Amino acid sequence: MADIIHARADDTLDGLIWRERRLDAANLPAVLAVNPGLAALGAILPDGTAVTLPDTAPASTVRDIIQLWD
């Protein structure tokens, strides 16, 4: 089920989706697809703007570990 979140003062869309779901900028097209007209609001979202987040997997927080002696 998609979540609806609200922007705070001075939120950018990528900052908002990172804070709420740990989604990175690669997910912006999916977010914009379910929020027609959102891009027209500009880089800084107005306070209280409702944003629907699509059902997507969160960004991976696992990083490859490089060891010096491998």
C-alpha atoms as a PDB file:
ATOM      1  CA  MET A   1       0.000   0.000   0.000  1.00  0.00           C
ATOM      2  CA  ALA A   2       1.317   3.434  -0.921  1.00  0.00           C
ATOM      3  CA  ASP A   3       2.044   5.910   1.868  1.00  0.00           C
ATOM      4  CA  ILE A   4       1.157   9.591   1.857  1.00  0.00           C
ATOM      5  CA  ILE A   5       3.692  11.840   3.527  1.00  0.00           C
ATOM      6  CA  HIS A   6       3.817  15.613   3.930  1.00  0.00           C
ATOM      7  CA  ALA A   7       6.712  17.932   3.217  1.00  0.00           C
ATOM      8  CA  ARG A   8       8.168  20.088   5.940  1.00  0.00           C
ATOM      9  CA  ALA A   9       9.519  23.592   5.444  1.00  0.00           C
ATOM     10  CA  ASP A  10      12.371  23.704   2.906  1.00  0.00           C
ATOM     11  CA  ASP A  11      12.073  20.017   1.919  1.00  0.00           C
ATOM     12  CA  THR A  12      13.292  18.865  -1.454  1.00  0.00           C
ATOM     13  CA  LEU A  13      11.673  15.786  -2.970  1.00  0.00           C
ATOM     14  CA  ASP A  14      14.826  13.689  -2.822  1.00  0.00           C
ATOM     15  CA  GLY A  15      15.443  14.749   0.782  1.00  0.00           C
ATOM     16  CA  LEU A  16      11.858  13.934   1.719  1.00  0.00           C
ATOM     17  CA  ILE A  17      11.870  10.438   0.240  1.00  0.00           C
ATOM     18  CA  TRP A  18      15.267   9.724   1.810  1.00  0.00           C
ATOM     19  CA  ARG A  19      14.092  10.823   5.266  1.00  0.00           C
ATOM     20  CA  GLU A  20      10.823   8.908   5.135  1.00  0.00           C
ATOM     21  CA  ARG A  21      11.808   5.669   3.364  1.00  0.00           C
ATOM     22  CA  ARG A  22      15.562   5.762   2.734  1.00  0.00           C
ATOM     23  CA  LEU A  23      14.862   5.877  -1.001  1.00  0.00           C
ATOM     24  CA  ASP A  24      17.592   7.337  -3.164  1.00  0.00           C
ATOM     25  CA  ALA A  25      17.351   9.585  -6.216  1.00  0.00           C
ATOM     26  CA  ALA A  26      16.948   6.560  -8.507  1.00  0.00           C
ATOM     27  CA  ASN A  27      13.391   6.289  -7.148  1.00  0.00           C
ATOM     28  CA  LEU A  28      12.408   9.844  -8.141  1.00  0.00           C
ATOM     29  CA  PRO A  29      10.833   8.831 -11.487  1.00  0.00           C
ATOM     30  CA  ALA A  30       8.526   6.374  -9.693  1.00  0.00           C
ATOM     31  CA  VAL A  31       7.546   9.004  -7.125  1.00  0.00           C
ATOM     32  CA  LEU A  32       6.893  11.612  -9.817  1.00  0.00           C
ATOM     33  CA  ALA A  33       4.824   9.093 -11.816  1.00  0.00           C
ATOM     34  CA  VAL A  34       2.322   8.679  -8.977  1.00  0.00           C
ATOM     35  CA  ASN A  35       2.298  12.422  -8.167  1.00  0.00           C
ATOM     36  CA  PRO A  36       1.326  14.287 -11.349  1.00  0.00           C
ATOM     37  CA  GLY A  37       2.100  17.988 -11.109  1.00  0.00           C
ATOM     38  CA  LEU A  38       4.580  17.598  -8.269  1.00  0.00           C
ATOM     39  CA  ALA A  39       7.554  18.605 -10.426  1.00  0.00           C
ATOM     40  CA  ALA A  40       5.814  21.867 -11.296  1.00  0.00           C
ATOM     41  CA  LEU A  41       6.040  22.960  -7.643  1.00  0.00           C
ATOM     42  CA  GLY A  42       9.771  23.541  -7.965  1.00  0.00           C
ATOM     43  CA  ALA A  43      12.888  22.284  -6.219  1.00  0.00           C
ATOM     44  CA  ILE A  44      11.710  23.250  -2.720  1.00  0.00           C
ATOM     45  CA  LEU A  45       8.318  21.781  -1.874  1.00  0.00           C
ATOM     46  CA  PRO A  46       5.797  24.029  -0.164  1.00  0.00           C
ATOM     47  CA  ASP A  47       5.273  23.214   3.517  1.00  0.00           C
ATOM     48  CA  GLY A  48       2.554  20.583   3.926  1.00  0.00           C
ATOM     49  CA  THR A  49       2.649  19.300   0.344  1.00  0.00           C
ATOM     50  CA  ALA A  50       1.205  15.771   0.237  1.00  0.00           C
ATOM     51  CA  VAL A  51       3.429  13.261  -1.562  1.00  0.00           C
ATOM     52  CA  THR A  52       2.356   9.716  -2.337  1.00  0.00           C
ATOM     53  CA  LEU A  53       5.175   7.195  -2.103  1.00  0.00           C
ATOM     54  CA  PRO A  54       4.797   4.164  -4.360  1.00  0.00           C
ATOM     55  CA  ASP A  55       5.392   0.658  -3.105  1.00  0.00           C
ATOM     56  CA  THR A  56       9.110   0.165  -3.717  1.00  0.00           C
ATOM     57  CA  ALA A  57      11.922  -1.617  -1.964  1.00  0.00           C
ATOM     58  CA  PRO A  58      14.098   0.622   0.204  1.00  0.00           C
ATOM     59  CA  ALA A  59      17.608   1.427  -0.933  1.00  0.00           C
ATOM     60  CA  SER A  60      20.131  -1.146   0.125  1.00  0.00           C
ATOM     61  CA  THR A  61      22.119  -0.214   3.194  1.00  0.00           C
ATOM     62  CA  VAL A  62      24.552  -3.107   2.726  1.00  0.00           C
ATOM     63  CA  ARG A  63      27.924  -2.157   1.314  1.00  0.00           C
ATOM     64  CA  ASP A  64      30.635  -4.399  -0.030  1.00  0.00           C
ATOM     65  CA  ILE A  65      33.591  -4.594   2.261  1.00  0.00           C
ATOM     66  CA  ILE A  66      37.008  -4.389   0.692  1.00  0.00           C
ATOM     67  CA  GLN A  67      39.775  -5.849   2.769  1.00  0.00           C
ATOM     68  CA  LEU A  68      43.358  -4.950   2.139  1.00  0.00           C
ATOM     69  CA  TRP A  69      44.604  -8.539   2.132  1.00  0.00           C
ATOM     70  CA  ASP A  70      41.963 -10.205  -0.071  1.00  0.00           C
END
